[in-house]
C-alpha atoms as a PDB file:
ATOM      1  CA  UNK A   1       0.000   0.000   0.000  1.00  0.00           C
ATOM      2  CA  UNK A   2       2.855   2.383   0.793  1.00  0.00           C
ATOM      3  CA  UNK A   3       4.245   1.930  -2.700  1.00  0.00           C
ATOM      4  CA  UNK A   4       0.826   2.622  -4.226  1.00  0.00           C
ATOM      5  CA  UNK A   5       0.452   5.775  -2.123  1.00  0.00           C
ATOM      6  CA  UNK A   6       3.895   6.946  -3.194  1.00  0.00           C
ATOM      7  CA  UNK A   7       2.979   6.539  -6.847  1.00  0.00           C
ATOM      8  CA  UNK A   8      -0.314   8.386  -6.360  1.00  0.00           C
ATOM      9  CA  UNK A   9       1.486  11.311  -4.700  1.00  0.00           C
ATOM     10  CA  UNK A  10       4.206  11.608  -7.318  1.00  0.00           C
ATOM     11  CA  UNK A  11       4.312  14.734  -9.429  1.00  0.00           C
ATOM     12  CA  UNK A  12       4.394  13.656 -13.067  1.00  0.00           C
ATOM     13  CA  UNK A  13       6.241  15.929 -15.456  1.00  0.00           C
ATOM     14  CA  UNK A  14       5.765  15.812 -19.215  1.00  0.00           C
ATOM     15  CA  UNK A  15       9.417  16.166 -20.147  1.00  0.00           C
ATOM     16  CA  UNK A  16      11.533  16.882 -23.217  1.00  0.00           C
ATOM     17  CA  UNK A  17      14.952  15.318 -22.714  1.00  0.00           C
ATOM     18  CA  UNK A  18      17.408  13.758 -25.124  1.00  0.00           C
ATOM     19  CA  UNK A  19      19.226  10.509 -24.442  1.00  0.00           C
ATOM     20  CA  UNK A  20      22.842  11.339 -23.643  1.00  0.00           C
ATOM     21  CA  UNK A  21      25.414   9.730 -21.379  1.00  0.00           C
ATOM     22  CA  UNK A  22      24.399  12.119 -18.590  1.00  0.00           C
ATOM     23  CA  UNK A  23      20.651  11.473 -18.935  1.00  0.00           C
ATOM     24  CA  UNK A  24      20.748   7.726 -19.581  1.00  0.00           C
ATOM     25  CA  UNK A  25      20.412   6.667 -15.929  1.00  0.00           C
ATOM     26  CA  UNK A  26      17.457   9.002 -15.423  1.00  0.00           C
ATOM     27  CA  UNK A  27      15.651   7.965 -18.588  1.00  0.00           C
ATOM     28  CA  UNK A  28      16.210   4.251 -17.920  1.00  0.00           C
ATOM     29  CA  UNK A  29      14.893   4.501 -14.370  1.00  0.00           C
ATOM     30  CA  UNK A  30      18.236   3.590 -12.779  1.00  0.00           C
ATOM     31  CA  UNK A  31      18.047   6.980 -11.058  1.00  0.00           C
ATOM     32  CA  UNK A  32      14.517   7.531  -9.745  1.00  0.00           C
ATOM     33  CA  UNK A  33      12.513   9.361  -7.109  1.00  0.00           C
ATOM     34  CA  UNK A  34       9.388   8.767  -5.010  1.00  0.00           C
ATOM     35  CA  UNK A  35       8.542  12.472  -5.457  1.00  0.00           C
ATOM     36  CA  UNK A  36       8.913  13.007  -9.226  1.00  0.00           C
ATOM     37  CA  UNK A  37       8.090  10.856 -12.230  1.00  0.00           C
ATOM     38  CA  UNK A  38       8.801  11.763 -15.838  1.00  0.00           C
ATOM     39  CA  UNK A  39       6.706  11.191 -18.946  1.00  0.00           C
ATOM     40  CA  UNK A  40       9.405  11.551 -21.574  1.00  0.00           C
ATOM     41  CA  UNK A  41       8.225  12.940 -24.904  1.00  0.00           C
ATOM     42  CA  UNK A  42       8.833  10.728 -27.924  1.00  0.00           C
ATOM     43  CA  UNK A  43      10.889  13.307 -29.821  1.00  0.00           C
ATOM     44  CA  UNK A  44      13.920  11.764 -31.588  1.00  0.00           C
ATOM     45  CA  UNK A  45      15.880  15.024 -31.809  1.00  0.00           C
ATOM     46  CA  UNK A  46      15.274  17.331 -28.819  1.00  0.00           C
ATOM     47  CA  UNK A  47      15.578  20.596 -30.773  1.00  0.00           C
ATOM     48  CA  UNK A  48      12.430  19.607 -32.671  1.00  0.00           C
ATOM     49  CA  UNK A  49      10.596  20.038 -29.394  1.00  0.00           C
ATOM     50  CA  UNK A  50      11.880  23.549 -28.692  1.00  0.00           C
ATOM     51  CA  UNK A  51       9.327  25.334 -30.866  1.00  0.00           C
ATOM     52  CA  UNK A  52       6.259  23.643 -29.285  1.00  0.00           C
ATOM     53  CA  UNK A  53       7.818  24.224 -25.870  1.00  0.00           C
ATOM     54  CA  UNK A  54       8.203  27.985 -26.255  1.00  0.00           C
ATOM     55  CA  UNK A  55       5.147  28.575 -28.462  1.00  0.00           C
ATOM     56  CA  UNK A  56       2.511  26.178 -27.122  1.00  0.00           C
ATOM     57  CA  UNK A  57       4.153  25.447 -23.742  1.00  0.00           C
ATOM     58  CA  UNK A  58       3.486  21.730 -24.122  1.00  0.00           C
ATOM     59  CA  UNK A  59       6.130  20.480 -21.674  1.00  0.00           C
ATOM     60  CA  UNK A  60       6.373  20.773 -17.908  1.00  0.00           C
ATOM     61  CA  UNK A  61      10.116  20.323 -17.850  1.00  0.00           C
ATOM     62  CA  UNK A  62      12.999  19.692 -20.193  1.00  0.00           C
ATOM     63  CA  UNK A  63      16.082  20.810 -22.007  1.00  0.00           C
ATOM     64  CA  UNK A  64      16.100  24.021 -23.991  1.00  0.00           C
ATOM     65  CA  UNK A  65      18.841  25.783 -25.939  1.00  0.00           C
ATOM     66  CA  UNK A  66      20.033  28.728 -23.877  1.00  0.00           C
ATOM     67  CA  UNK A  67      19.684  31.178 -26.780  1.00  0.00           C
ATOM     68  CA  UNK A  68      16.074  30.086 -27.227  1.00  0.00           C
ATOM     69  CA  UNK A  69      15.446  30.407 -23.495  1.00  0.00           C
ATOM     70  CA  UNK A  70      16.705  33.987 -23.444  1.00  0.00           C
ATOM     71  CA  UNK A  71      14.374  34.932 -26.291  1.00  0.00           C
ATOM     72  CA  UNK A  72      11.496  32.985 -24.734  1.00  0.00           C
ATOM     73  CA  UNK A  73      12.005  34.725 -21.405  1.00  0.00           C
ATOM     74  CA  UNK A  74      11.682  38.127 -23.077  1.00  0.00           C
ATOM     75  CA  UNK A  75       8.537  36.876 -24.848  1.00  0.00           C
ATOM     76  CA  UNK A  76       6.991  35.784 -21.549  1.00  0.00           C
ATOM     77  CA  UNK A  77       7.151  31.992 -21.897  1.00  0.00           C
ATOM     78  CA  UNK A  78       6.181  30.430 -18.540  1.00  0.00           C
ATOM     79  CA  UNK A  79       9.451  28.633 -17.744  1.00  0.00           C
ATOM     80  CA  UNK A  80      12.201  29.069 -15.194  1.00  0.00           C
ATOM     81  CA  UNK A  81      15.831  28.204 -15.759  1.00  0.00           C
ATOM     82  CA  UNK A  82      17.613  25.652 -13.599  1.00  0.00           C
ATOM     83  CA  UNK A  83      21.429  25.895 -13.321  1.00  0.00           C
ATOM     84  CA  UNK A  84      21.994  22.546 -15.025  1.00  0.00           C
ATOM     85  CA  UNK A  85      23.806  22.039 -18.315  1.00  0.00           C
ATOM     86  CA  UNK A  86      22.173  19.163 -20.179  1.00  0.00           C
ATOM     87  CA  UNK A  87      24.467  19.601 -23.177  1.00  0.00           C
ATOM     88  CA  UNK A  88      27.588  21.727 -23.472  1.00  0.00           C
ATOM     89  CA  UNK A  89      30.235  21.703 -26.168  1.00  0.00           C
ATOM     90  CA  UNK A  90      32.974  23.628 -27.868  1.00  0.00           C
ATOM     91  CA  UNK A  91      31.621  25.434 -30.911  1.00  0.00           C
ATOM     92  CA  UNK A  92      34.536  26.289 -33.172  1.00  0.00           C
ATOM     93  CA  UNK A  93      34.681  22.837 -34.824  1.00  0.00           C
ATOM     94  CA  UNK A  94      31.128  23.140 -36.172  1.00  0.00           C
ATOM     95  CA  UNK A  95      31.986  25.759 -38.829  1.00  0.00           C
ATOM     96  CA  UNK A  96      32.799  24.092 -42.174  1.00  0.00           C
ATOM     97  CA  UNK A  97      34.244  25.156 -45.514  1.00  0.00           C
ATOM     98  CA  UNK A  98      35.221  23.391 -48.759  1.00  0.00           C
ATOM     99  CA  UNK A  99      39.053  23.500 -49.050  1.00  0.00           C
ATOM    100  CA  UNK A 100      39.091  22.492 -52.734  1.00  0.00           C
ATOM    101  CA  UNK A 101      37.645  25.920 -53.549  1.00  0.00           C
ATOM    102  CA  UNK A 102      40.551  27.636 -51.806  1.00  0.00           C
ATOM    103  CA  UNK A 103      41.447  27.878 -48.158  1.00  0.00           C
ATOM    104  CA  UNK A 104      39.349  30.316 -46.137  1.00  0.00           C
ATOM    105  CA  UNK A 105      40.588  31.657 -42.807  1.00  0.00           C
ATOM    106  CA  UNK A 106      38.281  32.917 -40.034  1.00  0.00           C
ATOM    107  CA  UNK A 107      39.510  36.471 -40.539  1.00  0.00           C
ATOM    108  CA  UNK A 108      38.430  36.314 -44.202  1.00  0.00           C
ATOM    109  CA  UNK A 109      34.707  35.950 -43.469  1.00  0.00           C
ATOM    110  CA  UNK A 110      33.746  39.621 -43.785  1.00  0.00           C
ATOM    111  CA  UNK A 111      31.570  39.955 -46.875  1.00  0.00           C
ATOM    112  CA  UNK A 112      31.159  36.189 -47.222  1.00  0.00           C
ATOM    113  CA  UNK A 113      27.988  34.058 -47.219  1.00  0.00           C
ATOM    114  CA  UNK A 114      27.708  31.776 -44.207  1.00  0.00           C
ATOM    115  CA  UNK A 115      24.875  29.309 -43.763  1.00  0.00           C
ATOM    116  CA  UNK A 116      23.185  28.481 -40.462  1.00  0.00           C
ATOM    117  CA  UNK A 117      19.951  26.611 -39.752  1.00  0.00           C
ATOM    118  CA  UNK A 118      18.463  29.665 -38.041  1.00  0.00           C
ATOM    119  CA  UNK A 119      19.973  33.001 -37.052  1.00  0.00           C
ATOM    120  CA  UNK A 120      18.741  32.428 -33.476  1.00  0.00           C
ATOM    121  CA  UNK A 121      20.413  28.994 -33.181  1.00  0.00           C
ATOM    122  CA  UNK A 122      22.539  28.895 -30.029  1.00  0.00           C
ATOM    123  CA  UNK A 123      25.591  27.526 -31.845  1.00  0.00           C
ATOM    124  CA  UNK A 124      25.387  30.456 -34.253  1.00  0.00           C
ATOM    125  CA  UNK A 125      25.187  32.948 -31.385  1.00  0.00           C
ATOM    126  CA  UNK A 126      28.314  31.478 -29.820  1.00  0.00           C
ATOM    127  CA  UNK A 127      30.221  31.323 -33.098  1.00  0.00           C
ATOM    128  CA  UNK A 128      29.438  34.912 -34.079  1.00  0.00           C
ATOM    129  CA  UNK A 129      30.651  36.089 -30.681  1.00  0.00           C
ATOM    130  CA  UNK A 130      33.784  33.954 -30.897  1.00  0.00           C
ATOM    131  CA  UNK A 131      34.590  35.099 -34.428  1.00  0.00           C
ATOM    132  CA  UNK A 132      34.390  38.704 -33.298  1.00  0.00           C
ATOM    133  CA  UNK A 133      36.465  38.221 -30.158  1.00  0.00           C
ATOM    134  CA  UNK A 134      39.113  35.856 -31.546  1.00  0.00           C
ATOM    135  CA  UNK A 135      39.420  37.021 -35.154  1.00  0.00           C
ATOM    136  CA  UNK A 136      38.006  40.552 -35.219  1.00  0.00           C
ATOM    137  CA  UNK A 137      35.127  39.668 -37.574  1.00  0.00           C
ATOM    138  CA  UNK A 138      32.055  41.863 -37.138  1.00  0.00           C
ATOM    139  CA  UNK A 139      29.038  39.502 -37.353  1.00  0.00           C
ATOM    140  CA  UNK A 140      27.127  42.149 -39.315  1.00  0.00           C
ATOM    141  CA  UNK A 141      29.817  42.106 -42.029  1.00  0.00           C
ATOM    142  CA  UNK A 142      28.809  38.536 -42.884  1.00  0.00           C
ATOM    143  CA  UNK A 143      25.791  37.661 -45.021  1.00  0.00           C
ATOM    144  CA  UNK A 144      24.053  35.008 -42.914  1.00  0.00           C
ATOM    145  CA  UNK A 145      21.866  32.627 -44.918  1.00  0.00           C
ATOM    146  CA  UNK A 146      19.182  30.813 -42.907  1.00  0.00           C
ATOM    147  CA  UNK A 147      16.740  27.980 -43.557  1.00  0.00           C
ATOM    148  CA  UNK A 148      14.290  28.233 -40.638  1.00  0.00           C
ATOM    149  CA  UNK A 149      12.687  30.895 -38.482  1.00  0.00           C
ATOM    150  CA  UNK A 150      13.334  31.279 -34.764  1.00  0.00           C
ATOM    151  CA  UNK A 151      11.772  28.894 -32.263  1.00  0.00           C
ATOM    152  CA  UNK A 152      10.201  31.885 -30.504  1.00  0.00           C
ATOM    153  CA  UNK A 153       7.270  33.356 -32.435  1.00  0.00           C
ATOM    154  CA  UNK A 154       7.438  36.909 -33.737  1.00  0.00           C
ATOM    155  CA  UNK A 155      11.193  37.352 -33.918  1.00  0.00           C
ATOM    156  CA  UNK A 156      12.429  39.111 -37.054  1.00  0.00           C
ATOM    157  CA  UNK A 157      15.972  38.500 -38.303  1.00  0.00           C
ATOM    158  CA  UNK A 158      18.239  41.564 -38.703  1.00  0.00           C
ATOM    159  CA  UNK A 159      18.796  43.064 -42.181  1.00  0.00           C
ATOM    160  CA  UNK A 160      22.127  41.286 -42.768  1.00  0.00           C
ATOM    161  CA  UNK A 161      20.323  37.921 -42.568  1.00  0.00           C
ATOM    162  CA  UNK A 162      18.623  36.423 -45.633  1.00  0.00           C
ATOM    163  CA  UNK A 163      16.492  33.320 -46.092  1.00  0.00           C
ATOM    164  CA  UNK A 164      17.495  30.630 -48.558  1.00  0.00           C
ATOM    165  CA  UNK A 165      14.999  29.936 -51.322  1.00  0.00           C
ATOM    166  CA  UNK A 166      12.388  27.243 -50.572  1.00  0.00           C
ATOM    167  CA  UNK A 167      13.763  23.770 -51.214  1.00  0.00           C
ATOM    168  CA  UNK A 168      17.412  24.734 -50.833  1.00  0.00           C
ATOM    169  CA  UNK A 169      19.522  22.874 -48.271  1.00  0.00           C
ATOM    170  CA  UNK A 170      22.542  23.992 -46.308  1.00  0.00           C
ATOM    171  CA  UNK A 171      25.190  21.363 -47.166  1.00  0.00           C
ATOM    172  CA  UNK A 172      24.387  21.123 -50.908  1.00  0.00           C
ATOM    173  CA  UNK A 173      24.584  24.921 -51.123  1.00  0.00           C
ATOM    174  CA  UNK A 174      27.982  24.868 -49.410  1.00  0.00           C
ATOM    175  CA  UNK A 175      29.316  22.147 -51.709  1.00  0.00           C
ATOM    176  CA  UNK A 176      27.993  23.989 -54.770  1.00  0.00           C
ATOM    177  CA  UNK A 177      29.771  27.210 -53.795  1.00  0.00           C
ATOM    178  CA  UNK A 178      26.548  29.094 -53.066  1.00  0.00           C
ATOM    179  CA  UNK A 179      27.813  29.464 -49.499  1.00  0.00           C
ATOM    180  CA  UNK A 180      31.401  30.186 -48.473  1.00  0.00           C
ATOM    181  CA  UNK A 181      31.059  28.482 -45.093  1.00  0.00           C
ATOM    182  CA  UNK A 182      28.324  26.963 -42.945  1.00  0.00           C
ATOM    183  CA  UNK A 183      27.594  25.824 -39.414  1.00  0.00           C
ATOM    184  CA  UNK A 184      26.961  22.110 -39.882  1.00  0.00           C
ATOM    185  CA  UNK A 185      27.344  20.650 -36.375  1.00  0.00           C
ATOM    186  CA  UNK A 186      29.606  18.141 -34.649  1.00  0.00           C
ATOM    187  CA  UNK A 187      29.860  15.673 -37.517  1.00  0.00           C
ATOM    188  CA  UNK A 188      30.476  16.793 -41.086  1.00  0.00           C
ATOM    189  CA  UNK A 189      28.182  14.905 -43.468  1.00  0.00           C
ATOM    190  CA  UNK A 190      30.543  14.970 -46.469  1.00  0.00           C
ATOM    191  CA  UNK A 191      34.289  14.225 -46.696  1.00  0.00           C
ATOM    192  CA  UNK A 192      34.834  17.298 -48.864  1.00  0.00           C
ATOM    193  CA  UNK A 193      34.112  19.520 -45.880  1.00  0.00           C
ATOM    194  CA  UNK A 194      36.752  20.639 -43.389  1.00  0.00           C
ATOM    195  CA  UNK A 195      36.817  22.850 -40.294  1.00  0.00           C
ATOM    196  CA  UNK A 196      37.278  26.504 -41.150  1.00  0.00           C
ATOM    197  CA  UNK A 197      38.995  27.228 -37.807  1.00  0.00           C
ATOM    198  CA  UNK A 198      42.529  25.757 -37.710  1.00  0.00           C
ATOM    199  CA  UNK A 199      42.935  22.992 -35.094  1.00  0.00           C
ATOM    200  CA  UNK A 200      39.452  23.618 -33.712  1.00  0.00           C
ATOM    201  CA  UNK A 201      39.757  21.110 -30.863  1.00  0.00           C
ATOM    202  CA  UNK A 202      42.732  22.989 -29.429  1.00  0.00           C
ATOM    203  CA  UNK A 203      40.938  26.293 -29.986  1.00  0.00           C
ATOM    204  CA  UNK A 204      37.891  24.937 -28.138  1.00  0.00           C
ATOM    205  CA  UNK A 205      40.070  23.864 -25.206  1.00  0.00           C
ATOM    206  CA  UNK A 206      41.719  27.273 -24.990  1.00  0.00           C
ATOM    207  CA  UNK A 207      38.323  28.956 -25.038  1.00  0.00           C
ATOM    208  CA  UNK A 208      37.026  26.779 -22.203  1.00  0.00           C
ATOM    209  CA  UNK A 209      40.137  27.491 -20.127  1.00  0.00           C
ATOM    210  CA  UNK A 210      39.827  31.262 -20.519  1.00  0.00           C
ATOM    211  CA  UNK A 211      36.052  31.828 -20.695  1.00  0.00           C
ATOM    212  CA  UNK A 212      34.531  30.038 -17.719  1.00  0.00           C
ATOM    213  CA  UNK A 213      34.311  26.539 -19.130  1.00  0.00           C
ATOM    214  CA  UNK A 214      32.824  24.790 -22.122  1.00  0.00           C
ATOM    215  CA  UNK A 215      30.051  26.921 -23.672  1.00  0.00           C
ATOM    216  CA  UNK A 216      26.588  25.997 -22.425  1.00  0.00           C
ATOM    217  CA  UNK A 217      24.225  24.862 -25.144  1.00  0.00           C
ATOM    218  CA  UNK A 218      21.143  23.197 -23.653  1.00  0.00           C
ATOM    219  CA  UNK A 219      20.053  23.870 -20.073  1.00  0.00           C
ATOM    220  CA  UNK A 220      17.175  22.611 -17.965  1.00  0.00           C
ATOM    221  CA  UNK A 221      13.890  24.503 -17.576  1.00  0.00           C
ATOM    222  CA  UNK A 222      10.696  23.853 -15.627  1.00  0.00           C
ATOM    223  CA  UNK A 223       7.222  25.348 -15.830  1.00  0.00           C
ATOM    224  CA  UNK A 224       7.084  28.384 -13.533  1.00  0.00           C
ATOM    225  CA  UNK A 225       3.734  27.372 -12.028  1.00  0.00           C
ATOM    226  CA  UNK A 226       5.292  24.120 -10.798  1.00  0.00           C
ATOM    227  CA  UNK A 227       8.384  25.944  -9.552  1.00  0.00           C
ATOM    228  CA  UNK A 228       6.286  28.424  -7.598  1.00  0.00           C
ATOM    229  CA  UNK A 229       4.021  25.776  -6.049  1.00  0.00           C
ATOM    230  CA  UNK A 230       6.540  22.998  -5.508  1.00  0.00           C
ATOM    231  CA  UNK A 231      10.106  24.098  -4.805  1.00  0.00           C
ATOM    232  CA  UNK A 232      10.689  20.570  -3.470  1.00  0.00           C
ATOM    233  CA  UNK A 233      10.035  19.268  -6.992  1.00  0.00           C
ATOM    234  CA  UNK A 234      12.544  21.743  -8.445  1.00  0.00           C
ATOM    235  CA  UNK A 235      15.200  20.614  -5.982  1.00  0.00           C
ATOM    236  CA  UNK A 236      14.442  16.972  -6.712  1.00  0.00           C
ATOM    237  CA  UNK A 237      14.702  17.399 -10.490  1.00  0.00           C
ATOM    238  CA  UNK A 238      18.078  19.079  -9.969  1.00  0.00           C
ATOM    239  CA  UNK A 239      19.241  16.233  -7.729  1.00  0.00           C
ATOM    240  CA  UNK A 240      18.138  13.585 -10.205  1.00  0.00           C
ATOM    241  CA  UNK A 241      20.012  15.180 -13.111  1.00  0.00           C
ATOM    242  CA  UNK A 242      23.090  15.529 -10.938  1.00  0.00           C
ATOM    243  CA  UNK A 243      22.928  11.864  -9.893  1.00  0.00           C
ATOM    244  CA  UNK A 244      22.295  10.728 -13.463  1.00  0.00           C
ATOM    245  CA  UNK A 245      25.345  12.673 -14.631  1.00  0.00           C
ATOM    246  CA  UNK A 246      27.501  11.212 -11.862  1.00  0.00           C
ATOM    247  CA  UNK A 247      26.241   7.721 -12.725  1.00  0.00           C
ATOM    248  CA  UNK A 248      27.830   8.146 -16.161  1.00  0.00           C
ATOM    249  CA  UNK A 249      31.205   8.732 -14.530  1.00  0.00           C
ATOM    250  CA  UNK A 250      31.149  12.452 -15.345  1.00  0.00           C
ATOM    251  CA  UNK A 251      32.578  14.881 -12.787  1.00  0.00           C
ATOM    252  CA  UNK A 252      29.726  17.080 -11.591  1.00  0.00           C
ATOM    253  CA  UNK A 253      31.944  19.583  -9.772  1.00  0.00           C
ATOM    254  CA  UNK A 254      34.362  20.453 -12.591  1.00  0.00           C
ATOM    255  CA  UNK A 255      33.977  24.244 -13.044  1.00  0.00           C
ATOM    256  CA  UNK A 256      35.374  24.055 -16.589  1.00  0.00           C
ATOM    257  CA  UNK A 257      33.539  20.900 -17.643  1.00  0.00           C
ATOM    258  CA  UNK A 258      30.886  20.588 -20.295  1.00  0.00           C
ATOM    259  CA  UNK A 259      28.208  19.589 -17.753  1.00  0.00           C
ATOM    260  CA  UNK A 260      27.970  21.909 -14.780  1.00  0.00           C
ATOM    261  CA  UNK A 261      25.662  22.458 -11.822  1.00  0.00           C
ATOM    262  CA  UNK A 262      24.926  25.643  -9.878  1.00  0.00           C
ATOM    263  CA  UNK A 263      24.771  29.316 -10.817  1.00  0.00           C
ATOM    264  CA  UNK A 264      28.407  30.152 -10.119  1.00  0.00           C
ATOM    265  CA  UNK A 265      29.641  27.330 -12.349  1.00  0.00           C
ATOM    266  CA  UNK A 266      27.555  28.824 -15.176  1.00  0.00           C
ATOM    267  CA  UNK A 267      28.023  32.525 -14.489  1.00  0.00           C
ATOM    268  CA  UNK A 268      30.775  33.418 -16.970  1.00  0.00           C
ATOM    269  CA  UNK A 269      29.276  31.346 -19.772  1.00  0.00           C
ATOM    270  CA  UNK A 270      25.849  32.895 -19.215  1.00  0.00           C
ATOM    271  CA  UNK A 271      27.305  36.402 -19.116  1.00  0.00           C
ATOM    272  CA  UNK A 272      28.862  35.766 -22.523  1.00  0.00           C
ATOM    273  CA  UNK A 273      25.793  34.279 -24.228  1.00  0.00           C
ATOM    274  CA  UNK A 274      23.630  37.114 -22.849  1.00  0.00           C
ATOM    275  CA  UNK A 275      26.071  39.739 -24.143  1.00  0.00           C
ATOM    276  CA  UNK A 276      26.342  38.051 -27.539  1.00  0.00           C
ATOM    277  CA  UNK A 277      22.568  37.701 -27.832  1.00  0.00           C
ATOM    278  CA  UNK A 278      22.105  41.391 -27.083  1.00  0.00           C
ATOM    279  CA  UNK A 279      24.824  42.566 -29.488  1.00  0.00           C
ATOM    280  CA  UNK A 280      23.446  40.330 -32.223  1.00  0.00           C
ATOM    281  CA  UNK A 281      19.947  41.809 -31.772  1.00  0.00           C
ATOM    282  CA  UNK A 282      18.370  38.603 -30.511  1.00  0.00           C
ATOM    283  CA  UNK A 283      17.180  40.132 -27.237  1.00  0.00           C
ATOM    284  CA  UNK A 284      16.299  43.810 -26.664  1.00  0.00           C
ATOM    285  CA  UNK A 285      18.311  44.352 -23.471  1.00  0.00           C
ATOM    286  CA  UNK A 286      21.106  42.937 -21.370  1.00  0.00           C
ATOM    287  CA  UNK A 287      19.879  40.578 -18.653  1.00  0.00           C
ATOM    288  CA  UNK A 288      21.691  40.021 -15.355  1.00  0.00           C
ATOM    289  CA  UNK A 289      22.613  36.385 -14.790  1.00  0.00           C
ATOM    290  CA  UNK A 290      20.976  36.360 -11.356  1.00  0.00           C
ATOM    291  CA  UNK A 291      17.711  37.572 -12.900  1.00  0.00           C
ATOM    292  CA  UNK A 292      17.457  34.246 -14.752  1.00  0.00           C
ATOM    293  CA  UNK A 293      16.969  32.411 -11.434  1.00  0.00           C
ATOM    294  CA  UNK A 294      14.768  32.742  -8.382  1.00  0.00           C
ATOM    295  CA  UNK A 295      15.466  32.091  -4.692  1.00  0.00           C
ATOM    296  CA  UNK A 296      15.080  28.345  -5.150  1.00  0.00           C
ATOM    297  CA  UNK A 297      16.891  27.756  -8.425  1.00  0.00           C
ATOM    298  CA  UNK A 298      19.617  30.263  -7.561  1.00  0.00           C
ATOM    299  CA  UNK A 299      20.480  28.266  -4.420  1.00  0.00           C
ATOM    300  CA  UNK A 300      20.856  24.909  -6.177  1.00  0.00           C
ATOM    301  CA  UNK A 301      24.358  23.459  -6.005  1.00  0.00           C
END
């Protein structure tokens, strides 16, 4: 009977969460809780769930790209940020070019056409900021070519951003010379592509060492109504993600690691993505890092 009562009293959260090494124990049930249960959405690629999350608010909890969260917060989406990195990565290796058309250096990108899935994509925000800081390239000097609109409704791309014609695709355009470079992700889908940034893995390591750790990409959010009513649920979700990460053998207290917990571990990375988002006209004002959290989420460590 006690077990039945526990199940009845559990808070069930409709949750968007990808299957990664750090979430595997949670999603398999190896890490569990008598207080919280998760109904995991059947979404094969988590970023496909971001638009319904921030437009229709269909999930109670889940991962969300930090750039999308910042825009969604301005738009009034009813979610609170938890200081948990679900996915973090270096970004400089994701920018590809086609060497057979002539070598292109990062400092040569002014005036060039660079493809990206959407101007508001978090990887694009990071890369534009990095290109400006490391190589002196003004993001507005590049002609950004996009293929999708923002996850958050109503956002209008700046004038230096153009939309590819219907039916066009990013990698074929890059291979055909219609783009000079493109953000294609961790794995390049064609052997003719190469990283535009020289030795990007080393460059990513240097960035992490000097900029507060590996750039945050996806963080955890929870519906604000649940957070306001049930701070115990918020704390439990945080604990479960921390335990699931530790169960994968990942250090949860590494301040420079890709997967971090607590506001202070995220502070520098969040300061950067906020500043980049503002400069790139993705959000209308600078936001203080502490304003992203409340008394409960800000105290999680």
